[in-house]
PDB file of N, CA and C in Angstrom:
ATOM      1  N   MET A   1      17.909   4.826  14.572  1.00  0.00           N
ATOM      2  CA  MET A   1      19.127   5.198  14.996  1.00  0.00           C
ATOM      3  C   MET A   1      19.307   6.790  15.181  1.00  0.00           C
ATOM      4  N   HIS A   2      18.475   8.299  15.029  1.00  0.00           N
ATOM      5  CA  HIS A   2      18.264   8.865  14.249  1.00  0.00           C
ATOM      6  C   HIS A   2      19.595   9.971  14.926  1.00  0.00           C
ATOM      7  N   LYS A   3      19.453  11.103  13.905  1.00  0.00           N
ATOM      8  CA  LYS A   3      21.237  11.324  13.814  1.00  0.00           C
ATOM      9  C   LYS A   3      21.045  13.166  15.037  1.00  0.00           C
ATOM     10  N   GLU A   4      19.093  13.112  15.170  1.00  0.00           N
ATOM     11  CA  GLU A   4      19.731  14.147  16.353  1.00  0.00           C
ATOM     12  C   GLU A   4      19.467  14.098  18.141  1.00  0.00           C
ATOM     13  N   TRP A   5      19.768  12.165  17.956  1.00  0.00           N
ATOM     14  CA  TRP A   5      19.928  12.385  18.909  1.00  0.00           C
ATOM     15  C   TRP A   5      20.793  12.110  19.834  1.00  0.00           C
ATOM     16  N   THR A   6      22.082  12.403  18.526  1.00  0.00           N
ATOM     17  CA  THR A   6      23.299  12.366  18.988  1.00  0.00           C
ATOM     18  C   THR A   6      24.004  13.829  19.724  1.00  0.00           C
ATOM     19  N   LYS A   7      22.872  14.643  19.364  1.00  0.00           N
ATOM     20  CA  LYS A   7      23.379  16.241  19.420  1.00  0.00           C
ATOM     21  C   LYS A   7      23.080  16.063  20.113  1.00  0.00           C
ATOM     22  N   LYS A   8      22.008  15.315  21.473  1.00  0.00           N
ATOM     23  CA  LYS A   8      21.540  15.989  22.982  1.00  0.00           C
ATOM     24  C   LYS A   8      21.447  15.551  23.524  1.00  0.00           C
ATOM     25  N   ASP A   9      22.240  15.760  24.623  1.00  0.00           N
ATOM     26  CA  ASP A   9      22.841  15.053  26.214  1.00  0.00           C
ATOM     27  C   ASP A   9      21.883  14.619  26.643  1.00  0.00           C
ATOM     28  N   ARG A  10      22.318  13.290  27.364  1.00  0.00           N
ATOM     29  CA  ARG A  10      22.035  12.057  27.344  1.00  0.00           C
ATOM     30  C   ARG A  10      20.848  12.468  28.857  1.00  0.00           C
ATOM     31  N   LYS A  11      21.234  13.800  29.769  1.00  0.00           N
ATOM     32  CA  LYS A  11      20.258  13.733  30.638  1.00  0.00           C
ATOM     33  C   LYS A  11      18.813  14.059  29.611  1.00  0.00           C
ATOM     34  N   LYS A  12      19.026  15.035  28.898  1.00  0.00           N
ATOM     35  CA  LYS A  12      18.622  15.299  28.216  1.00  0.00           C
ATOM     36  C   LYS A  12      17.267  14.310  27.547  1.00  0.00           C
ATOM     37  N   GLY A  13      17.749  13.854  27.515  1.00  0.00           N
ATOM     38  CA  GLY A  13      17.204  12.086  26.418  1.00  0.00           C
ATOM     39  C   GLY A  13      16.972  12.088  24.920  1.00  0.00           C
ATOM     40  N   GLY A  14      19.096  11.981  24.755  1.00  0.00           N
ATOM     41  CA  GLY A  14      19.450  12.155  24.029  1.00  0.00           C
ATOM     42  C   GLY A  14      19.990  11.516  24.697  1.00  0.00           C
ATOM     43  N   ILE A  15      21.455  10.944  23.331  1.00  0.00           N
ATOM     44  CA  ILE A  15      22.039   9.753  23.003  1.00  0.00           C
ATOM     45  C   ILE A  15      23.925  10.279  23.617  1.00  0.00           C
ATOM     46  N   GLY A  16      23.912  12.071  22.989  1.00  0.00           N
ATOM     47  CA  GLY A  16      25.020  12.087  22.827  1.00  0.00           C
ATOM     48  C   GLY A  16      25.885  11.711  22.074  1.00  0.00           C
ATOM     49  N   PRO A  17      27.178  11.444  21.950  1.00  0.00           N
ATOM     50  CA  PRO A  17      28.328  12.066  20.442  1.00  0.00           C
ATOM     51  C   PRO A  17      28.535   9.924  20.597  1.00  0.00           C
ATOM     52  N   MET A  18      28.151   9.920  18.988  1.00  0.00           N
ATOM     53  CA  MET A  18      28.350   8.505  18.831  1.00  0.00           C
ATOM     54  C   MET A  18      29.524   7.812  18.255  1.00  0.00           C
ATOM     55  N   ASN A  19      30.065   6.747  18.188  1.00  0.00           N
ATOM     56  CA  ASN A  19      31.719   6.318  17.632  1.00  0.00           C
ATOM     57  C   ASN A  19      31.169   4.910  16.465  1.00  0.00           C
ATOM     58  N   ILE A  20      29.645   4.795  16.479  1.00  0.00           N
ATOM     59  CA  ILE A  20      29.288   4.057  15.315  1.00  0.00           C
ATOM     60  C   ILE A  20      29.021   4.399  13.915  1.00  0.00           C
ATOM     61  N   PRO A  21      28.905   3.758  13.247  1.00  0.00           N
ATOM     62  CA  PRO A  21      28.176   4.329  12.235  1.00  0.00           C
ATOM     63  C   PRO A  21      26.923   4.738  11.709  1.00  0.00           C
ATOM     64  N   MET A  22      26.540   5.342  11.270  1.00  0.00           N
ATOM     65  CA  MET A  22      24.950   6.112  10.860  1.00  0.00           C
ATOM     66  C   MET A  22      24.555   5.704   9.323  1.00  0.00           C
ATOM     67  N   LEU A  23      23.232   5.905   9.254  1.00  0.00           N
ATOM     68  CA  LEU A  23      22.736   5.982   7.912  1.00  0.00           C
ATOM     69  C   LEU A  23      21.672   6.317   7.341  1.00  0.00           C
ATOM     70  N   ALA A  24      21.302   7.018   6.205  1.00  0.00           N
ATOM     71  CA  ALA A  24      20.153   7.491   5.560  1.00  0.00           C
ATOM     72  C   ALA A  24      19.420   6.597   4.184  1.00  0.00           C
ATOM     73  N   ASP A  25      18.312   6.704   4.364  1.00  0.00           N
ATOM     74  CA  ASP A  25      17.682   5.974   3.802  1.00  0.00           C
ATOM     75  C   ASP A  25      17.229   6.890   2.222  1.00  0.00           C
ATOM     76  N   PRO A  26      17.993   7.894   1.939  1.00  0.00           N
ATOM     77  CA  PRO A  26      17.249   8.750   0.412  1.00  0.00           C
ATOM     78  C   PRO A  26      16.390   7.532  -0.268  1.00  0.00           C
ATOM     79  N   THR A  27      16.886   6.866  -1.318  1.00  0.00           N
ATOM     80  CA  THR A  27      16.235   6.254  -2.235  1.00  0.00           C
ATOM     81  C   THR A  27      15.036   4.854  -1.528  1.00  0.00           C
ATOM     82  N   HIS A  28      15.198   4.440  -0.148  1.00  0.00           N
ATOM     83  CA  HIS A  28      13.900   3.894   0.305  1.00  0.00           C
ATOM     84  C   HIS A  28      13.946   2.334   0.154  1.00  0.00           C
ATOM     85  N   LYS A  29      15.801   1.899  -0.384  1.00  0.00           N
ATOM     86  CA  LYS A  29      15.578   0.792  -1.086  1.00  0.00           C
ATOM     87  C   LYS A  29      16.570  -0.421   0.609  1.00  0.00           C
ATOM     88  N   ILE A  30      17.452   0.204   1.516  1.00  0.00           N
ATOM     89  CA  ILE A  30      17.087  -0.498   2.935  1.00  0.00           C
ATOM     90  C   ILE A  30      15.570  -0.492   3.175  1.00  0.00           C
ATOM     91  N   SER A  31      14.898   0.386   3.962  1.00  0.00           N
ATOM     92  CA  SER A  31      14.048  -0.079   4.490  1.00  0.00           C
ATOM     93  C   SER A  31      12.949  -0.493   3.657  1.00  0.00           C
ATOM     94  N   LYS A  32      12.198  -1.150   2.320  1.00  0.00           N
ATOM     95  CA  LYS A  32      12.590  -1.200   1.681  1.00  0.00           C
ATOM     96  C   LYS A  32      12.375  -2.892   1.454  1.00  0.00           C
ATOM     97  N   ASN A  33      14.327  -3.809   1.178  1.00  0.00           N
ATOM     98  CA  ASN A  33      14.762  -4.447   1.548  1.00  0.00           C
ATOM     99  C   ASN A  33      14.012  -5.597   2.997  1.00  0.00           C
ATOM    100  N   TYR A  34      14.719  -4.301   3.723  1.00  0.00           N
ATOM    101  CA  TYR A  34      14.111  -4.581   5.268  1.00  0.00           C
ATOM    102  C   TYR A  34      12.536  -4.655   5.664  1.00  0.00           C
ATOM    103  N   GLY A  35      11.657  -4.362   5.131  1.00  0.00           N
ATOM    104  CA  GLY A  35       9.715  -4.863   5.491  1.00  0.00           C
ATOM    105  C   GLY A  35       9.523  -3.857   6.570  1.00  0.00           C
ATOM    106  N   ALA A  36      10.712  -1.975   6.624  1.00  0.00           N
ATOM    107  CA  ALA A  36      10.091  -1.466   6.505  1.00  0.00           C
ATOM    108  C   ALA A  36       9.594   0.025   5.800  1.00  0.00           C
ATOM    109  N   LEU A  37       9.296   0.048   4.244  1.00  0.00           N
ATOM    110  CA  LEU A  37       8.867   0.594   3.700  1.00  0.00           C
ATOM    111  C   LEU A  37       7.486   0.384   3.769  1.00  0.00           C
ATOM    112  N   ILE A  38       6.114   1.115   3.850  1.00  0.00           N
ATOM    113  CA  ILE A  38       4.468   1.465   3.108  1.00  0.00           C
ATOM    114  C   ILE A  38       4.744   1.341   2.071  1.00  0.00           C
ATOM    115  N   GLU A  39       4.140   0.256   1.086  1.00  0.00           N
ATOM    116  CA  GLU A  39       4.188  -0.093  -0.231  1.00  0.00           C
ATOM    117  C   GLU A  39       2.423  -0.352   0.075  1.00  0.00           C
ATOM    118  N   ASP A  40       1.621  -0.114   0.303  1.00  0.00           N
ATOM    119  CA  ASP A  40       0.709  -0.133   0.301  1.00  0.00           C
ATOM    120  C   ASP A  40      -0.657   0.987  -0.161  1.00  0.00           C
ATOM    121  N   GLU A  41      -0.338   1.218  -1.683  1.00  0.00           N
ATOM    122  CA  GLU A  41      -0.348   2.229  -2.776  1.00  0.00           C
ATOM    123  C   GLU A  41      -1.994   2.576  -1.922  1.00  0.00           C
ATOM    124  N   GLU A  42      -3.267   2.745  -1.713  1.00  0.00           N
ATOM    125  CA  GLU A  42      -3.694   3.118  -0.377  1.00  0.00           C
ATOM    126  C   GLU A  42      -3.915   3.261   1.023  1.00  0.00           C
ATOM    127  N   ASP A  43      -3.244   3.097   1.358  1.00  0.00           N
ATOM    128  CA  ASP A  43      -3.091   4.124   2.259  1.00  0.00           C
ATOM    129  C   ASP A  43      -1.770   5.035   1.977  1.00  0.00           C
ATOM    130  N   ASP A  44      -2.147   6.448   2.829  1.00  0.00           N
ATOM    131  CA  ASP A  44      -2.187   8.029   2.797  1.00  0.00           C
ATOM    132  C   ASP A  44      -0.069   7.875   2.888  1.00  0.00           C
ATOM    133  N   ALA A  45       0.462   7.484   3.003  1.00  0.00           N
ATOM    134  CA  ALA A  45       1.309   7.026   4.490  1.00  0.00           C
ATOM    135  C   ALA A  45       2.686   6.357   2.927  1.00  0.00           C
ATOM    136  N   CYS A  46       2.129   5.321   2.019  1.00  0.00           N
ATOM    137  CA  CYS A  46       2.351   4.995   1.136  1.00  0.00           C
ATOM    138  C   CYS A  46       4.189   5.569   0.794  1.00  0.00           C
ATOM    139  N   GLY A  47       4.839   5.043   0.009  1.00  0.00           N
ATOM    140  CA  GLY A  47       6.754   5.826  -0.187  1.00  0.00           C
ATOM    141  C   GLY A  47       6.170   6.330   1.469  1.00  0.00           C
ATOM    142  N   VAL A  48       6.397   6.329   2.416  1.00  0.00           N
ATOM    143  CA  VAL A  48       6.597   6.142   3.126  1.00  0.00           C
ATOM    144  C   VAL A  48       8.141   4.974   4.385  1.00  0.00           C
ATOM    145  N   THR A  49       8.554   5.018   4.716  1.00  0.00           N
ATOM    146  CA  THR A  49       9.284   4.094   5.614  1.00  0.00           C
ATOM    147  C   THR A  49       8.900   4.707   7.686  1.00  0.00           C
ATOM    148  N   MET A  50       8.468   2.744   7.678  1.00  0.00           N
ATOM    149  CA  MET A  50       7.600   3.002   9.967  1.00  0.00           C
ATOM    150  C   MET A  50       9.516   3.162   9.984  1.00  0.00           C
ATOM    151  N   ARG A  51       8.820   3.942  11.882  1.00  0.00           N
ATOM    152  CA  ARG A  51       9.770   4.333  12.878  1.00  0.00           C
ATOM    153  C   ARG A  51      11.134   2.968  12.397  1.00  0.00           C
ATOM    154  N   ALA A  52      11.620   3.008  12.233  1.00  0.00           N
ATOM    155  CA  ALA A  52      12.960   1.427  11.865  1.00  0.00           C
ATOM    156  C   ALA A  52      14.504   1.298  13.169  1.00  0.00           C
ATOM    157  N   THR A  53      14.390   0.975  13.904  1.00  0.00           N
ATOM    158  CA  THR A  53      16.610   0.596  14.109  1.00  0.00           C
ATOM    159  C   THR A  53      16.675  -0.407  13.730  1.00  0.00           C
ATOM    160  N   TYR A  54      17.822  -1.051  13.101  1.00  0.00           N
ATOM    161  CA  TYR A  54      18.391  -2.536  12.882  1.00  0.00           C
ATOM    162  C   TYR A  54      19.794  -2.851  13.916  1.00  0.00           C
ATOM    163  N   ILE A  55      20.422  -3.807  14.135  1.00  0.00           N
ATOM    164  CA  ILE A  55      21.344  -3.595  14.562  1.00  0.00           C
ATOM    165  C   ILE A  55      22.355  -4.161  13.837  1.00  0.00           C
ATOM    166  N   ILE A  56      23.532  -4.461  13.672  1.00  0.00           N
ATOM    167  CA  ILE A  56      24.281  -5.304  12.444  1.00  0.00           C
ATOM    168  C   ILE A  56      25.263  -5.345  12.935  1.00  0.00           C
ATOM    169  N   ASP A  57      25.746  -5.774  12.829  1.00  0.00           N
ATOM    170  CA  ASP A  57      27.786  -6.207  13.640  1.00  0.00           C
ATOM    171  C   ASP A  57      28.431  -6.417  12.569  1.00  0.00           C
ATOM    172  N   LYS A  58      29.715  -6.324  13.357  1.00  0.00           N
ATOM    173  CA  LYS A  58      31.120  -5.415  12.236  1.00  0.00           C
ATOM    174  C   LYS A  58      30.678  -7.052  11.387  1.00  0.00           C
ATOM    175  N   ASP A  59      30.462  -8.271  11.472  1.00  0.00           N
ATOM    176  CA  ASP A  59      30.476  -9.428  10.272  1.00  0.00           C
ATOM    177  C   ASP A  59      29.282  -9.067   9.994  1.00  0.00           C
ATOM    178  N   GLY A  60      28.372  -8.046   9.134  1.00  0.00           N
ATOM    179  CA  GLY A  60      27.422  -7.915   8.646  1.00  0.00           C
ATOM    180  C   GLY A  60      25.504  -8.861   9.378  1.00  0.00           C
ATOM    181  N   ILE A  61      26.565  -8.917   9.626  1.00  0.00           N
ATOM    182  CA  ILE A  61      24.837 -10.618  10.910  1.00  0.00           C
ATOM    183  C   ILE A  61      23.883  -8.973  11.209  1.00  0.00           C
ATOM    184  N   LEU A  62      22.275  -9.400  10.527  1.00  0.00           N
ATOM    185  CA  LEU A  62      21.356  -8.562  11.534  1.00  0.00           C
ATOM    186  C   LEU A  62      21.397  -9.341  12.854  1.00  0.00           C
ATOM    187  N   ARG A  63      21.452  -8.912  14.704  1.00  0.00           N
ATOM    188  CA  ARG A  63      21.104  -8.746  15.811  1.00  0.00           C
ATOM    189  C   ARG A  63      19.299  -8.830  16.190  1.00  0.00           C
ATOM    190  N   HIS A  64      19.486  -7.253  14.819  1.00  0.00           N
ATOM    191  CA  HIS A  64      18.451  -7.211  16.251  1.00  0.00           C
ATOM    192  C   HIS A  64      17.188  -5.584  14.967  1.00  0.00           C
ATOM    193  N   SER A  65      16.660  -6.608  15.213  1.00  0.00           N
ATOM    194  CA  SER A  65      15.091  -5.355  14.620  1.00  0.00           C
ATOM    195  C   SER A  65      14.415  -4.981  15.517  1.00  0.00           C
ATOM    196  N   GLN A  66      13.261  -3.970  14.723  1.00  0.00           N
ATOM    197  CA  GLN A  66      12.724  -3.340  15.570  1.00  0.00           C
ATOM    198  C   GLN A  66      11.652  -2.259  14.139  1.00  0.00           C
ATOM    199  N   CYS A  67      10.647  -1.614  14.486  1.00  0.00           N
ATOM    200  CA  CYS A  67       9.207  -1.187  13.513  1.00  0.00           C
ATOM    201  C   CYS A  67       8.223  -1.670  13.831  1.00  0.00           C
ATOM    202  N   ASN A  68       8.392   0.357  13.757  1.00  0.00           N
ATOM    203  CA  ASN A  68       7.259   0.783  14.128  1.00  0.00           C
ATOM    204  C   ASN A  68       6.017   1.141  13.843  1.00  0.00           C
ATOM    205  N   ASP A  69       5.059   1.198  14.224  1.00  0.00           N
ATOM    206  CA  ASP A  69       4.156   2.088  12.768  1.00  0.00           C
ATOM    207  C   ASP A  69       4.426   3.715  13.123  1.00  0.00           C
ATOM    208  N   LEU A  70       3.992   4.731  12.245  1.00  0.00           N
ATOM    209  CA  LEU A  70       5.051   5.860  12.393  1.00  0.00           C
ATOM    210  C   LEU A  70       4.522   7.213  14.095  1.00  0.00           C
ATOM    211  N   PRO A  71       3.428   6.931  14.355  1.00  0.00           N
ATOM    212  CA  PRO A  71       3.189   7.474  16.110  1.00  0.00           C
ATOM    213  C   PRO A  71       3.827   6.947  16.172  1.00  0.00           C
ATOM    214  N   VAL A  72       4.783   5.158  16.213  1.00  0.00           N
ATOM    215  CA  VAL A  72       5.004   5.285  17.835  1.00  0.00           C
ATOM    216  C   VAL A  72       6.528   5.314  17.225  1.00  0.00           C
ATOM    217  N   GLY A  73       7.557   6.281  18.632  1.00  0.00           N
ATOM    218  CA  GLY A  73       8.751   6.242  18.641  1.00  0.00           C
ATOM    219  C   GLY A  73       9.252   5.309  19.281  1.00  0.00           C
ATOM    220  N   ARG A  74      10.877   6.235  19.197  1.00  0.00           N
ATOM    221  CA  ARG A  74      12.116   4.640  19.915  1.00  0.00           C
ATOM    222  C   ARG A  74      12.211   5.438  21.110  1.00  0.00           C
ATOM    223  N   ASN A  75      12.993   4.446  22.709  1.00  0.00           N
ATOM    224  CA  ASN A  75      13.249   4.577  23.038  1.00  0.00           C
ATOM    225  C   ASN A  75      15.106   4.794  22.911  1.00  0.00           C
ATOM    226  N   PRO A  76      15.798   6.155  23.179  1.00  0.00           N
ATOM    227  CA  PRO A  76      16.802   5.920  22.498  1.00  0.00           C
ATOM    228  C   PRO A  76      17.525   4.901  23.878  1.00  0.00           C
ATOM    229  N   ASN A  77      17.778   5.497  25.212  1.00  0.00           N
ATOM    230  CA  ASN A  77      18.128   4.212  26.133  1.00  0.00           C
ATOM    231  C   ASN A  77      18.622   3.213  25.928  1.00  0.00           C
ATOM    232  N   GLU A  78      17.232   2.468  25.646  1.00  0.00           N
ATOM    233  CA  GLU A  78      16.449   0.956  24.918  1.00  0.00           C
ATOM    234  C   GLU A  78      17.246   1.010  23.629  1.00  0.00           C
ATOM    235  N   VAL A  79      17.381   1.009  22.665  1.00  0.00           N
ATOM    236  CA  VAL A  79      18.393   0.656  21.882  1.00  0.00           C
ATOM    237  C   VAL A  79      20.016   1.116  22.632  1.00  0.00           C
ATOM    238  N   LEU A  80      20.283   1.951  22.948  1.00  0.00           N
ATOM    239  CA  LEU A  80      21.776   2.249  23.562  1.00  0.00           C
ATOM    240  C   LEU A  80      22.521   0.793  24.565  1.00  0.00           C
ATOM    241  N   ARG A  81      21.211   0.071  24.651  1.00  0.00           N
ATOM    242  CA  ARG A  81      21.108  -0.614  25.717  1.00  0.00           C
ATOM    243  C   ARG A  81      21.554  -1.826  25.058  1.00  0.00           C
ATOM    244  N   LEU A  82      21.105  -1.908  23.679  1.00  0.00           N
ATOM    245  CA  LEU A  82      20.833  -3.576  22.851  1.00  0.00           C
ATOM    246  C   LEU A  82      21.845  -2.989  22.722  1.00  0.00           C
ATOM    247  N   VAL A  83      22.943  -2.024  21.986  1.00  0.00           N
ATOM    248  CA  VAL A  83      24.185  -2.607  21.395  1.00  0.00           C
ATOM    249  C   VAL A  83      24.499  -2.526  21.981  1.00  0.00           C
ATOM    250  N   GLU A  84      25.083  -2.401  23.741  1.00  0.00           N
ATOM    251  CA  GLU A  84      25.891  -2.053  24.655  1.00  0.00           C
ATOM    252  C   GLU A  84      25.828  -3.795  24.767  1.00  0.00           C
ATOM    253  N   ALA A  85      24.701  -4.506  25.030  1.00  0.00           N
ATOM    254  CA  ALA A  85      24.321  -5.369  24.880  1.00  0.00           C
ATOM    255  C   ALA A  85      24.855  -6.632  23.122  1.00  0.00           C
ATOM    256  N   PHE A  86      25.163  -5.644  22.844  1.00  0.00           N
ATOM    257  CA  PHE A  86      25.715  -7.503  21.615  1.00  0.00           C
ATOM    258  C   PHE A  86      27.105  -6.906  20.983  1.00  0.00           C
TER     259      PHE A  86
END
């Protein structure tokens, strides 16, 4: 989930303030462990993380993962629907 989504009202395409943890991955350790890091050295995007969303429950269990190629965005309403469903 992108931090910028929390800065926009839902009526304007965002999700508004969230009371859930969000994190960044500047070392790419998480994206590598979850298979979202592009590591093919012949790919111009090598070292870039694909657009990925992971929903992990309070017990640390991965409940949902979605990994999209770089040109494909994510839908904040669908992510919110999934969080609420879990």
